[in-house]
Amino acid sequence: MSTHDEPESEGAEAAAENTVLTDVLGDHPKVKIIVALLGESDHDRNPTELSRLAGIDRSTFYAHVDDLLAYGIVEQTRTVGNSPMYRIDRGNAAAEDLAALEWDLLDHVPADSA
């Protein structure tokens, strides 16, 4: 049985689990969505893929994506079939600051923790 913070497909490894940003900022679904998008910054992804990468249910993704769109951190790039596609908004200063924070934090992670 799945809760709102567990991935929809069992056995799927969520890219947003146990990252430096989730360690520092917490494992809130918005943080997990941002982490998933930062890891896929060269590609847009649909809600199903992003939910899997974030380790959350699609309903949880949809409950939070509008806030991230409003902040300008996430952008909807296109629609494929009926599915909207999203990516990190690389033109948004806050999104770039979050990416820079992730890289800066990685510089401080002890080698035996990685």
PDB file of N, CA and C in Angstrom:
ATOM      1  N   MET A   1       0.847  -1.184   0.000  1.00  0.00           N
ATOM      2  CA  MET A   1       0.000   0.000   0.000  1.00  0.00           C
ATOM      3  C   MET A   1       0.884   1.236   0.000  1.00  0.00           C
ATOM      4  N   SER A   2       0.539   2.200  -0.807  1.00  0.00           N
ATOM      5  CA  SER A   2       1.378   3.372  -0.993  1.00  0.00           C
ATOM      6  C   SER A   2       0.846   4.562  -0.209  1.00  0.00           C
ATOM      7  N   THR A   3       1.757   5.295   0.449  1.00  0.00           N
ATOM      8  CA  THR A   3       1.372   6.550   1.087  1.00  0.00           C
ATOM      9  C   THR A   3       1.696   7.672   0.130  1.00  0.00           C
ATOM     10  N   HIS A   4       1.357   8.898   0.484  1.00  0.00           N
ATOM     11  CA  HIS A   4       1.554  10.015  -0.443  1.00  0.00           C
ATOM     12  C   HIS A   4       3.025  10.335  -0.706  1.00  0.00           C
ATOM     13  N   ASP A   5       3.941   9.852   0.089  1.00  0.00           N
ATOM     14  CA  ASP A   5       5.347  10.161  -0.120  1.00  0.00           C
ATOM     15  C   ASP A   5       6.145   9.009  -0.703  1.00  0.00           C
ATOM     16  N   GLU A   6       5.493   7.874  -0.960  1.00  0.00           N
ATOM     17  CA  GLU A   6       6.207   6.727  -1.510  1.00  0.00           C
ATOM     18  C   GLU A   6       6.042   6.693  -3.014  1.00  0.00           C
ATOM     19  N   PRO A   7       7.030   6.175  -3.734  1.00  0.00           N
ATOM     20  CA  PRO A   7       6.904   6.081  -5.186  1.00  0.00           C
ATOM     21  C   PRO A   7       5.791   5.131  -5.568  1.00  0.00           C
ATOM     22  N   GLU A   8       5.170   5.395  -6.737  1.00  0.00           N
ATOM     23  CA  GLU A   8       4.065   4.565  -7.195  1.00  0.00           C
ATOM     24  C   GLU A   8       4.513   3.170  -7.558  1.00  0.00           C
ATOM     25  N   SER A   9       5.699   3.021  -8.130  1.00  0.00           N
ATOM     26  CA  SER A   9       6.144   1.693  -8.536  1.00  0.00           C
ATOM     27  C   SER A   9       7.155   1.175  -7.529  1.00  0.00           C
ATOM     28  N   GLU A  10       6.841   0.023  -6.960  1.00  0.00           N
ATOM     29  CA  GLU A  10       7.728  -0.556  -5.967  1.00  0.00           C
ATOM     30  C   GLU A  10       9.040  -0.951  -6.610  1.00  0.00           C
ATOM     31  N   GLY A  11      10.118  -0.823  -5.877  1.00  0.00           N
ATOM     32  CA  GLY A  11      11.423  -1.202  -6.376  1.00  0.00           C
ATOM     33  C   GLY A  11      12.105  -0.113  -7.182  1.00  0.00           C
ATOM     34  N   ALA A  12      11.396   0.952  -7.495  1.00  0.00           N
ATOM     35  CA  ALA A  12      12.006   2.041  -8.262  1.00  0.00           C
ATOM     36  C   ALA A  12      12.886   2.862  -7.332  1.00  0.00           C
ATOM     37  N   GLU A  13      14.103   3.126  -7.757  1.00  0.00           N
ATOM     38  CA  GLU A  13      15.028   3.925  -6.962  1.00  0.00           C
ATOM     39  C   GLU A  13      14.779   5.393  -7.254  1.00  0.00           C
ATOM     40  N   ALA A  14      14.376   6.128  -6.256  1.00  0.00           N
ATOM     41  CA  ALA A  14      14.112   7.549  -6.416  1.00  0.00           C
ATOM     42  C   ALA A  14      15.424   8.318  -6.368  1.00  0.00           C
ATOM     43  N   ALA A  15      15.635   9.154  -7.362  1.00  0.00           N
ATOM     44  CA  ALA A  15      16.856   9.950  -7.444  1.00  0.00           C
ATOM     45  C   ALA A  15      16.909  11.026  -6.359  1.00  0.00           C
ATOM     46  N   ALA A  16      15.766  11.392  -5.813  1.00  0.00           N
ATOM     47  CA  ALA A  16      15.713  12.461  -4.818  1.00  0.00           C
ATOM     48  C   ALA A  16      15.833  11.953  -3.392  1.00  0.00           C
ATOM     49  N   GLU A  17      16.091  10.670  -3.210  1.00  0.00           N
ATOM     50  CA  GLU A  17      16.253  10.122  -1.870  1.00  0.00           C
ATOM     51  C   GLU A  17      17.704  10.272  -1.424  1.00  0.00           C
ATOM     52  N   ASN A  18      17.891  10.671  -0.182  1.00  0.00           N
ATOM     53  CA  ASN A  18      19.220  10.751   0.430  1.00  0.00           C
ATOM     54  C   ASN A  18      20.208  11.600  -0.370  1.00  0.00           C
ATOM     55  N   THR A  19      19.768  12.771  -0.775  1.00  0.00           N
ATOM     56  CA  THR A  19      20.661  13.704  -1.462  1.00  0.00           C
ATOM     57  C   THR A  19      21.081  14.795  -0.489  1.00  0.00           C
ATOM     58  N   VAL A  20      22.078  15.540  -0.858  1.00  0.00           N
ATOM     59  CA  VAL A  20      22.555  16.606   0.010  1.00  0.00           C
ATOM     60  C   VAL A  20      21.469  17.667   0.218  1.00  0.00           C
ATOM     61  N   LEU A  21      20.680  17.969  -0.810  1.00  0.00           N
ATOM     62  CA  LEU A  21      19.617  18.965  -0.644  1.00  0.00           C
ATOM     63  C   LEU A  21      18.487  18.457   0.248  1.00  0.00           C
ATOM     64  N   THR A  22      18.114  17.190   0.111  1.00  0.00           N
ATOM     65  CA  THR A  22      17.064  16.678   0.996  1.00  0.00           C
ATOM     66  C   THR A  22      17.575  16.549   2.426  1.00  0.00           C
ATOM     67  N   ASP A  23      18.867  16.312   2.587  1.00  0.00           N
ATOM     68  CA  ASP A  23      19.438  16.251   3.923  1.00  0.00           C
ATOM     69  C   ASP A  23      19.386  17.626   4.592  1.00  0.00           C
ATOM     70  N   VAL A  24      19.716  18.663   3.844  1.00  0.00           N
ATOM     71  CA  VAL A  24      19.767  20.017   4.405  1.00  0.00           C
ATOM     72  C   VAL A  24      18.383  20.661   4.482  1.00  0.00           C
ATOM     73  N   LEU A  25      17.585  20.515   3.417  1.00  0.00           N
ATOM     74  CA  LEU A  25      16.306  21.214   3.345  1.00  0.00           C
ATOM     75  C   LEU A  25      15.113  20.366   3.779  1.00  0.00           C
ATOM     76  N   GLY A  26      15.336  19.077   3.980  1.00  0.00           N
ATOM     77  CA  GLY A  26      14.255  18.183   4.387  1.00  0.00           C
ATOM     78  C   GLY A  26      13.705  17.422   3.194  1.00  0.00           C
ATOM     79  N   ASP A  27      12.862  16.437   3.500  1.00  0.00           N
ATOM     80  CA  ASP A  27      12.361  15.587   2.424  1.00  0.00           C
ATOM     81  C   ASP A  27      10.929  15.936   2.029  1.00  0.00           C
ATOM     82  N   HIS A  28      10.593  17.209   2.119  1.00  0.00           N
ATOM     83  CA  HIS A  28       9.289  17.680   1.673  1.00  0.00           C
ATOM     84  C   HIS A  28       9.138  17.383   0.177  1.00  0.00           C
ATOM     85  N   PRO A  29       7.939  17.062  -0.270  1.00  0.00           N
ATOM     86  CA  PRO A  29       7.755  16.756  -1.690  1.00  0.00           C
ATOM     87  C   PRO A  29       8.262  17.837  -2.644  1.00  0.00           C
ATOM     88  N   LYS A  30       8.131  19.101  -2.277  1.00  0.00           N
ATOM     89  CA  LYS A  30       8.635  20.163  -3.161  1.00  0.00           C
ATOM     90  C   LYS A  30      10.155  20.064  -3.310  1.00  0.00           C
ATOM     91  N   VAL A  31      10.840  19.789  -2.221  1.00  0.00           N
ATOM     92  CA  VAL A  31      12.297  19.635  -2.274  1.00  0.00           C
ATOM     93  C   VAL A  31      12.645  18.446  -3.167  1.00  0.00           C
ATOM     94  N   LYS A  32      11.913  17.355  -3.005  1.00  0.00           N
ATOM     95  CA  LYS A  32      12.180  16.162  -3.816  1.00  0.00           C
ATOM     96  C   LYS A  32      11.930  16.422  -5.301  1.00  0.00           C
ATOM     97  N   ILE A  33      10.892  17.181  -5.624  1.00  0.00           N
ATOM     98  CA  ILE A  33      10.619  17.528  -7.019  1.00  0.00           C
ATOM     99  C   ILE A  33      11.747  18.381  -7.579  1.00  0.00           C
ATOM    100  N   ILE A  34      12.199  19.356  -6.804  1.00  0.00           N
ATOM    101  CA  ILE A  34      13.305  20.213  -7.245  1.00  0.00           C
ATOM    102  C   ILE A  34      14.563  19.382  -7.473  1.00  0.00           C
ATOM    103  N   VAL A  35      14.878  18.497  -6.541  1.00  0.00           N
ATOM    104  CA  VAL A  35      16.058  17.639  -6.678  1.00  0.00           C
ATOM    105  C   VAL A  35      15.947  16.782  -7.940  1.00  0.00           C
ATOM    106  N   ALA A  36      14.771  16.209  -8.163  1.00  0.00           N
ATOM    107  CA  ALA A  36      14.567  15.385  -9.363  1.00  0.00           C
ATOM    108  C   ALA A  36      14.771  16.213 -10.625  1.00  0.00           C
ATOM    109  N   LEU A  37      14.263  17.425 -10.634  1.00  0.00           N
ATOM    110  CA  LEU A  37      14.408  18.280 -11.811  1.00  0.00           C
ATOM    111  C   LEU A  37      15.843  18.754 -12.000  1.00  0.00           C
ATOM    112  N   LEU A  38      16.533  19.040 -10.912  1.00  0.00           N
ATOM    113  CA  LEU A  38      17.940  19.435 -11.036  1.00  0.00           C
ATOM    114  C   LEU A  38      18.769  18.307 -11.621  1.00  0.00           C
ATOM    115  N   GLY A  39      18.434  17.084 -11.268  1.00  0.00           N
ATOM    116  CA  GLY A  39      19.144  15.931 -11.798  1.00  0.00           C
ATOM    117  C   GLY A  39      18.838  15.663 -13.262  1.00  0.00           C
ATOM    118  N   GLU A  40      17.776  16.251 -13.759  1.00  0.00           N
ATOM    119  CA  GLU A  40      17.346  16.059 -15.149  1.00  0.00           C
ATOM    120  C   GLU A  40      17.304  17.406 -15.873  1.00  0.00           C
ATOM    121  N   SER A  41      18.198  18.320 -15.542  1.00  0.00           N
ATOM    122  CA  SER A  41      18.087  19.694 -16.017  1.00  0.00           C
ATOM    123  C   SER A  41      18.186  19.859 -17.530  1.00  0.00           C
ATOM    124  N   ASP A  42      18.733  18.885 -18.228  1.00  0.00           N
ATOM    125  CA  ASP A  42      18.840  18.984 -19.682  1.00  0.00           C
ATOM    126  C   ASP A  42      17.635  18.411 -20.407  1.00  0.00           C
ATOM    127  N   HIS A  43      16.689  17.839 -19.663  1.00  0.00           N
ATOM    128  CA  HIS A  43      15.542  17.180 -20.276  1.00  0.00           C
ATOM    129  C   HIS A  43      14.263  17.585 -19.566  1.00  0.00           C
ATOM    130  N   ASP A  44      13.185  17.641 -20.321  1.00  0.00           N
ATOM    131  CA  ASP A  44      11.898  17.801 -19.662  1.00  0.00           C
ATOM    132  C   ASP A  44      11.320  16.415 -19.410  1.00  0.00           C
ATOM    133  N   ARG A  45      10.517  16.314 -18.372  1.00  0.00           N
ATOM    134  CA  ARG A  45       9.977  15.028 -17.951  1.00  0.00           C
ATOM    135  C   ARG A  45       8.482  15.171 -17.656  1.00  0.00           C
ATOM    136  N   ASN A  46       7.767  14.079 -17.798  1.00  0.00           N
ATOM    137  CA  ASN A  46       6.332  14.104 -17.499  1.00  0.00           C
ATOM    138  C   ASN A  46       6.118  13.827 -16.012  1.00  0.00           C
ATOM    139  N   PRO A  47       4.903  14.059 -15.519  1.00  0.00           N
ATOM    140  CA  PRO A  47       4.631  13.863 -14.093  1.00  0.00           C
ATOM    141  C   PRO A  47       4.928  12.453 -13.579  1.00  0.00           C
ATOM    142  N   THR A  48       4.682  11.442 -14.390  1.00  0.00           N
ATOM    143  CA  THR A  48       4.960  10.074 -13.952  1.00  0.00           C
ATOM    144  C   THR A  48       6.453   9.871 -13.720  1.00  0.00           C
ATOM    145  N   GLU A  49       7.264  10.318 -14.663  1.00  0.00           N
ATOM    146  CA  GLU A  49       8.720  10.182 -14.521  1.00  0.00           C
ATOM    147  C   GLU A  49       9.227  10.997 -13.335  1.00  0.00           C
ATOM    148  N   LEU A  50       8.748  12.232 -13.201  1.00  0.00           N
ATOM    149  CA  LEU A  50       9.204  13.084 -12.103  1.00  0.00           C
ATOM    150  C   LEU A  50       8.766  12.539 -10.745  1.00  0.00           C
ATOM    151  N   SER A  51       7.573  11.979 -10.684  1.00  0.00           N
ATOM    152  CA  SER A  51       7.105  11.375  -9.429  1.00  0.00           C
ATOM    153  C   SER A  51       7.998  10.212  -9.036  1.00  0.00           C
ATOM    154  N   ARG A  52       8.360   9.387 -10.014  1.00  0.00           N
ATOM    155  CA  ARG A  52       9.244   8.246  -9.737  1.00  0.00           C
ATOM    156  C   ARG A  52      10.607   8.735  -9.270  1.00  0.00           C
ATOM    157  N   LEU A  53      11.162   9.704  -9.976  1.00  0.00           N
ATOM    158  CA  LEU A  53      12.478  10.237  -9.603  1.00  0.00           C
ATOM    159  C   LEU A  53      12.457  10.905  -8.229  1.00  0.00           C
ATOM    160  N   ALA A  54      11.337  11.555  -7.916  1.00  0.00           N
ATOM    161  CA  ALA A  54      11.214  12.256  -6.629  1.00  0.00           C
ATOM    162  C   ALA A  54      10.843  11.299  -5.490  1.00  0.00           C
ATOM    163  N   GLY A  55      10.375  10.111  -5.833  1.00  0.00           N
ATOM    164  CA  GLY A  55       9.966   9.167  -4.797  1.00  0.00           C
ATOM    165  C   GLY A  55       8.646   9.521  -4.150  1.00  0.00           C
ATOM    166  N   ILE A  56       7.744  10.104  -4.942  1.00  0.00           N
ATOM    167  CA  ILE A  56       6.420  10.502  -4.449  1.00  0.00           C
ATOM    168  C   ILE A  56       5.353   9.989  -5.416  1.00  0.00           C
ATOM    169  N   ASP A  57       4.109   9.995  -4.968  1.00  0.00           N
ATOM    170  CA  ASP A  57       2.996   9.643  -5.847  1.00  0.00           C
ATOM    171  C   ASP A  57       2.708  10.787  -6.813  1.00  0.00           C
ATOM    172  N   ARG A  58       2.082  10.445  -7.929  1.00  0.00           N
ATOM    173  CA  ARG A  58       1.700  11.484  -8.899  1.00  0.00           C
ATOM    174  C   ARG A  58       0.739  12.490  -8.280  1.00  0.00           C
ATOM    175  N   SER A  59      -0.171  12.038  -7.435  1.00  0.00           N
ATOM    176  CA  SER A  59      -1.113  12.971  -6.805  1.00  0.00           C
ATOM    177  C   SER A  59      -0.363  13.987  -5.937  1.00  0.00           C
ATOM    178  N   THR A  60       0.694  13.551  -5.294  1.00  0.00           N
ATOM    179  CA  THR A  60       1.519  14.460  -4.489  1.00  0.00           C
ATOM    180  C   THR A  60       2.247  15.437  -5.396  1.00  0.00           C
ATOM    181  N   PHE A  61       2.762  14.941  -6.528  1.00  0.00           N
ATOM    182  CA  PHE A  61       3.406  15.825  -7.501  1.00  0.00           C
ATOM    183  C   PHE A  61       2.440  16.936  -7.920  1.00  0.00           C
ATOM    184  N   TYR A  62       1.213  16.537  -8.302  1.00  0.00           N
ATOM    185  CA  TYR A  62       0.236  17.522  -8.754  1.00  0.00           C
ATOM    186  C   TYR A  62      -0.183  18.480  -7.641  1.00  0.00           C
ATOM    187  N   ALA A  63      -0.123  18.044  -6.398  1.00  0.00           N
ATOM    188  CA  ALA A  63      -0.479  18.910  -5.265  1.00  0.00           C
ATOM    189  C   ALA A  63       0.552  20.021  -5.046  1.00  0.00           C
ATOM    190  N   HIS A  64       1.776  19.839  -5.566  1.00  0.00           N
ATOM    191  CA  HIS A  64       2.847  20.805  -5.300  1.00  0.00           C
ATOM    192  C   HIS A  64       3.402  21.503  -6.532  1.00  0.00           C
ATOM    193  N   VAL A  65       3.189  20.978  -7.708  1.00  0.00           N
ATOM    194  CA  VAL A  65       3.833  21.545  -8.891  1.00  0.00           C
ATOM    195  C   VAL A  65       3.348  22.967  -9.194  1.00  0.00           C
ATOM    196  N   ASP A  66       2.090  23.270  -8.904  1.00  0.00           N
ATOM    197  CA  ASP A  66       1.597  24.624  -9.185  1.00  0.00           C
ATOM    198  C   ASP A  66       2.352  25.676  -8.375  1.00  0.00           C
ATOM    199  N   ASP A  67       2.699  25.355  -7.128  1.00  0.00           N
ATOM    200  CA  ASP A  67       3.490  26.298  -6.323  1.00  0.00           C
ATOM    201  C   ASP A  67       4.862  26.518  -6.950  1.00  0.00           C
ATOM    202  N   LEU A  68       5.494  25.439  -7.397  1.00  0.00           N
ATOM    203  CA  LEU A  68       6.820  25.555  -8.001  1.00  0.00           C
ATOM    204  C   LEU A  68       6.762  26.309  -9.323  1.00  0.00           C
ATOM    205  N   LEU A  69       5.670  26.142 -10.057  1.00  0.00           N
ATOM    206  CA  LEU A  69       5.465  26.921 -11.286  1.00  0.00           C
ATOM    207  C   LEU A  69       5.289  28.403 -10.941  1.00  0.00           C
ATOM    208  N   ALA A  70       4.514  28.689  -9.890  1.00  0.00           N
ATOM    209  CA  ALA A  70       4.274  30.076  -9.480  1.00  0.00           C
ATOM    210  C   ALA A  70       5.565  30.764  -9.033  1.00  0.00           C
ATOM    211  N   TYR A  71       6.446  30.025  -8.376  1.00  0.00           N
ATOM    212  CA  TYR A  71       7.739  30.583  -7.965  1.00  0.00           C
ATOM    213  C   TYR A  71       8.669  30.769  -9.156  1.00  0.00           C
ATOM    214  N   GLY A  72       8.357  30.138 -10.267  1.00  0.00           N
ATOM    215  CA  GLY A  72       9.207  30.229 -11.443  1.00  0.00           C
ATOM    216  C   GLY A  72      10.380  29.270 -11.412  1.00  0.00           C
ATOM    217  N   ILE A  73      10.414  28.376 -10.447  1.00  0.00           N
ATOM    218  CA  ILE A  73      11.502  27.415 -10.333  1.00  0.00           C
ATOM    219  C   ILE A  73      11.345  26.313 -11.381  1.00  0.00           C
ATOM    220  N   VAL A  74      10.100  25.984 -11.670  1.00  0.00           N
ATOM    221  CA  VAL A  74       9.758  24.941 -12.636  1.00  0.00           C
ATOM    222  C   VAL A  74       9.009  25.594 -13.785  1.00  0.00           C
ATOM    223  N   GLU A  75       9.236  25.082 -14.985  1.00  0.00           N
ATOM    224  CA  GLU A  75       8.468  25.554 -16.126  1.00  0.00           C
ATOM    225  C   GLU A  75       7.851  24.372 -16.857  1.00  0.00           C
ATOM    226  N   GLN A  76       6.654  24.604 -17.383  1.00  0.00           N
ATOM    227  CA  GLN A  76       6.042  23.605 -18.251  1.00  0.00           C
ATOM    228  C   GLN A  76       6.529  23.913 -19.652  1.00  0.00           C
ATOM    229  N   THR A  77       7.154  22.926 -20.278  1.00  0.00           N
ATOM    230  CA  THR A  77       7.796  23.156 -21.569  1.00  0.00           C
ATOM    231  C   THR A  77       6.902  22.862 -22.755  1.00  0.00           C
ATOM    232  N   ARG A  78       6.079  21.831 -22.638  1.00  0.00           N
ATOM    233  CA  ARG A  78       5.237  21.407 -23.752  1.00  0.00           C
ATOM    234  C   ARG A  78       4.258  20.367 -23.234  1.00  0.00           C
ATOM    235  N   THR A  79       3.402  19.892 -24.130  1.00  0.00           N
ATOM    236  CA  THR A  79       2.492  18.802 -23.810  1.00  0.00           C
ATOM    237  C   THR A  79       2.710  17.705 -24.830  1.00  0.00           C
ATOM    238  N   VAL A  80       2.886  16.492 -24.360  1.00  0.00           N
ATOM    239  CA  VAL A  80       3.049  15.323 -25.226  1.00  0.00           C
ATOM    240  C   VAL A  80       1.824  14.454 -24.998  1.00  0.00           C
ATOM    241  N   GLY A  81       0.999  14.322 -26.027  1.00  0.00           N
ATOM    242  CA  GLY A  81      -0.290  13.665 -25.839  1.00  0.00           C
ATOM    243  C   GLY A  81      -1.108  14.519 -24.892  1.00  0.00           C
ATOM    244  N   ASN A  82      -1.528  13.951 -23.791  1.00  0.00           N
ATOM    245  CA  ASN A  82      -2.234  14.717 -22.754  1.00  0.00           C
ATOM    246  C   ASN A  82      -1.339  15.037 -21.570  1.00  0.00           C
ATOM    247  N   SER A  83      -0.066  14.710 -21.666  1.00  0.00           N
ATOM    248  CA  SER A  83       0.829  14.830 -20.523  1.00  0.00           C
ATOM    249  C   SER A  83       1.685  16.098 -20.612  1.00  0.00           C
ATOM    250  N   PRO A  84       1.578  16.970 -19.602  1.00  0.00           N
ATOM    251  CA  PRO A  84       2.457  18.140 -19.563  1.00  0.00           C
ATOM    252  C   PRO A  84       3.891  17.694 -19.261  1.00  0.00           C
ATOM    253  N   MET A  85       4.828  18.419 -19.790  1.00  0.00           N
ATOM    254  CA  MET A  85       6.245  18.137 -19.573  1.00  0.00           C
ATOM    255  C   MET A  85       6.834  19.307 -18.793  1.00  0.00           C
ATOM    256  N   TYR A  86       7.716  18.982 -17.831  1.00  0.00           N
ATOM    257  CA  TYR A  86       8.286  19.995 -16.948  1.00  0.00           C
ATOM    258  C   TYR A  86       9.804  19.884 -16.911  1.00  0.00           C
ATOM    259  N   ARG A  87      10.444  21.000 -16.591  1.00  0.00           N
ATOM    260  CA  ARG A  87      11.872  21.011 -16.307  1.00  0.00           C
ATOM    261  C   ARG A  87      12.162  22.185 -15.384  1.00  0.00           C
ATOM    262  N   ILE A  88      13.363  22.168 -14.837  1.00  0.00           N
ATOM    263  CA  ILE A  88      13.804  23.279 -13.996  1.00  0.00           C
ATOM    264  C   ILE A  88      13.913  24.502 -14.900  1.00  0.00           C
ATOM    265  N   ASP A  89      13.513  25.655 -14.424  1.00  0.00           N
ATOM    266  CA  ASP A  89      13.598  26.873 -15.237  1.00  0.00           C
ATOM    267  C   ASP A  89      14.984  27.472 -15.095  1.00  0.00           C
ATOM    268  N   ARG A  90      15.829  27.170 -16.049  1.00  0.00           N
ATOM    269  CA  ARG A  90      17.230  27.591 -15.976  1.00  0.00           C
ATOM    270  C   ARG A  90      17.410  29.096 -16.109  1.00  0.00           C
ATOM    271  N   GLY A  91      16.357  29.796 -16.490  1.00  0.00           N
ATOM    272  CA  GLY A  91      16.423  31.253 -16.562  1.00  0.00           C
ATOM    273  C   GLY A  91      15.992  31.931 -15.277  1.00  0.00           C
ATOM    274  N   ASN A  92      15.578  31.154 -14.282  1.00  0.00           N
ATOM    275  CA  ASN A  92      15.111  31.693 -13.015  1.00  0.00           C
ATOM    276  C   ASN A  92      16.264  31.744 -12.020  1.00  0.00           C
ATOM    277  N   ALA A  93      16.487  32.927 -11.439  1.00  0.00           N
ATOM    278  CA  ALA A  93      17.611  33.104 -10.512  1.00  0.00           C
ATOM    279  C   ALA A  93      17.500  32.184  -9.291  1.00  0.00           C
ATOM    280  N   ALA A  94      16.299  31.997  -8.771  1.00  0.00           N
ATOM    281  CA  ALA A  94      16.127  31.128  -7.600  1.00  0.00           C
ATOM    282  C   ALA A  94      16.472  29.680  -7.949  1.00  0.00           C
ATOM    283  N   ALA A  95      16.051  29.223  -9.123  1.00  0.00           N
ATOM    284  CA  ALA A  95      16.379  27.860  -9.555  1.00  0.00           C
ATOM    285  C   ALA A  95      17.884  27.702  -9.706  1.00  0.00           C
ATOM    286  N   GLU A  96      18.536  28.696 -10.273  1.00  0.00           N
ATOM    287  CA  GLU A  96      19.991  28.644 -10.417  1.00  0.00           C
ATOM    288  C   GLU A  96      20.680  28.664  -9.061  1.00  0.00           C
ATOM    289  N   ASP A  97      20.133  29.435  -8.120  1.00  0.00           N
ATOM    290  CA  ASP A  97      20.692  29.465  -6.768  1.00  0.00           C
ATOM    291  C   ASP A  97      20.557  28.105  -6.072  1.00  0.00           C
ATOM    292  N   LEU A  98      19.427  27.434  -6.287  1.00  0.00           N
ATOM    293  CA  LEU A  98      19.251  26.094  -5.713  1.00  0.00           C
ATOM    294  C   LEU A  98      20.253  25.112  -6.306  1.00  0.00           C
ATOM    295  N   ALA A  99      20.487  25.206  -7.609  1.00  0.00           N
ATOM    296  CA  ALA A  99      21.479  24.336  -8.258  1.00  0.00           C
ATOM    297  C   ALA A  99      22.868  24.638  -7.708  1.00  0.00           C
ATOM    298  N   ALA A 100      23.182  25.922  -7.547  1.00  0.00           N
ATOM    299  CA  ALA A 100      24.489  26.308  -7.004  1.00  0.00           C
ATOM    300  C   ALA A 100      24.637  25.834  -5.561  1.00  0.00           C
ATOM    301  N   LEU A 101      23.558  25.926  -4.779  1.00  0.00           N
ATOM    302  CA  LEU A 101      23.592  25.444  -3.397  1.00  0.00           C
ATOM    303  C   LEU A 101      23.903  23.956  -3.369  1.00  0.00           C
ATOM    304  N   GLU A 102      23.274  23.200  -4.252  1.00  0.00           N
ATOM    305  CA  GLU A 102      23.538  21.764  -4.295  1.00  0.00           C
ATOM    306  C   GLU A 102      25.018  21.508  -4.574  1.00  0.00           C
ATOM    307  N   TRP A 103      25.586  22.191  -5.556  1.00  0.00           N
ATOM    308  CA  TRP A 103      27.006  21.995  -5.890  1.00  0.00           C
ATOM    309  C   TRP A 103      27.904  22.435  -4.737  1.00  0.00           C
ATOM    310  N   ASP A 104      27.573  23.568  -4.112  1.00  0.00           N
ATOM    311  CA  ASP A 104      28.382  24.048  -2.985  1.00  0.00           C
ATOM    312  C   ASP A 104      28.344  23.057  -1.818  1.00  0.00           C
ATOM    313  N   LEU A 105      27.167  22.520  -1.540  1.00  0.00           N
ATOM    314  CA  LEU A 105      27.048  21.543  -0.456  1.00  0.00           C
ATOM    315  C   LEU A 105      27.827  20.273  -0.762  1.00  0.00           C
ATOM    316  N   LEU A 106      27.804  19.846  -2.023  1.00  0.00           N
ATOM    317  CA  LEU A 106      28.540  18.639  -2.410  1.00  0.00           C
ATOM    318  C   LEU A 106      30.048  18.797  -2.159  1.00  0.00           C
ATOM    319  N   ASP A 107      30.536  20.038  -2.246  1.00  0.00           N
ATOM    320  CA  ASP A 107      31.955  20.285  -1.978  1.00  0.00           C
ATOM    321  C   ASP A 107      32.306  20.036  -0.515  1.00  0.00           C
ATOM    322  N   HIS A 108      31.299  20.023   0.365  1.00  0.00           N
ATOM    323  CA  HIS A 108      31.530  19.869   1.811  1.00  0.00           C
ATOM    324  C   HIS A 108      31.149  18.498   2.345  1.00  0.00           C
ATOM    325  N   VAL A 109      30.697  17.620   1.480  1.00  0.00           N
ATOM    326  CA  VAL A 109      30.339  16.267   1.916  1.00  0.00           C
ATOM    327  C   VAL A 109      31.615  15.455   2.060  1.00  0.00           C
ATOM    328  N   PRO A 110      31.838  14.865   3.218  1.00  0.00           N
ATOM    329  CA  PRO A 110      33.024  14.028   3.392  1.00  0.00           C
ATOM    330  C   PRO A 110      33.035  12.869   2.380  1.00  0.00           C
ATOM    331  N   ALA A 111      34.192  12.512   1.895  1.00  0.00           N
ATOM    332  CA  ALA A 111      34.332  11.474   0.872  1.00  0.00           C
ATOM    333  C   ALA A 111      33.712  10.149   1.314  1.00  0.00           C
ATOM    334  N   ASP A 112      33.782   9.807   2.595  1.00  0.00           N
ATOM    335  CA  ASP A 112      33.238   8.534   3.055  1.00  0.00           C
ATOM    336  C   ASP A 112      31.709   8.572   3.188  1.00  0.00           C
ATOM    337  N   SER A 113      31.083   9.753   3.033  1.00  0.00           N
ATOM    338  CA  SER A 113      29.616   9.866   3.088  1.00  0.00           C
ATOM    339  C   SER A 113      28.982   9.749   1.730  1.00  0.00           C
ATOM    340  N   ALA A 114      29.751   9.936   0.678  1.00  0.00           N
ATOM    341  CA  ALA A 114      29.195   9.965  -0.673  1.00  0.00           C
ATOM    342  C   ALA A 114      28.785   8.607  -1.147  1.00  0.00           C
TER     343      ALA A 114
END
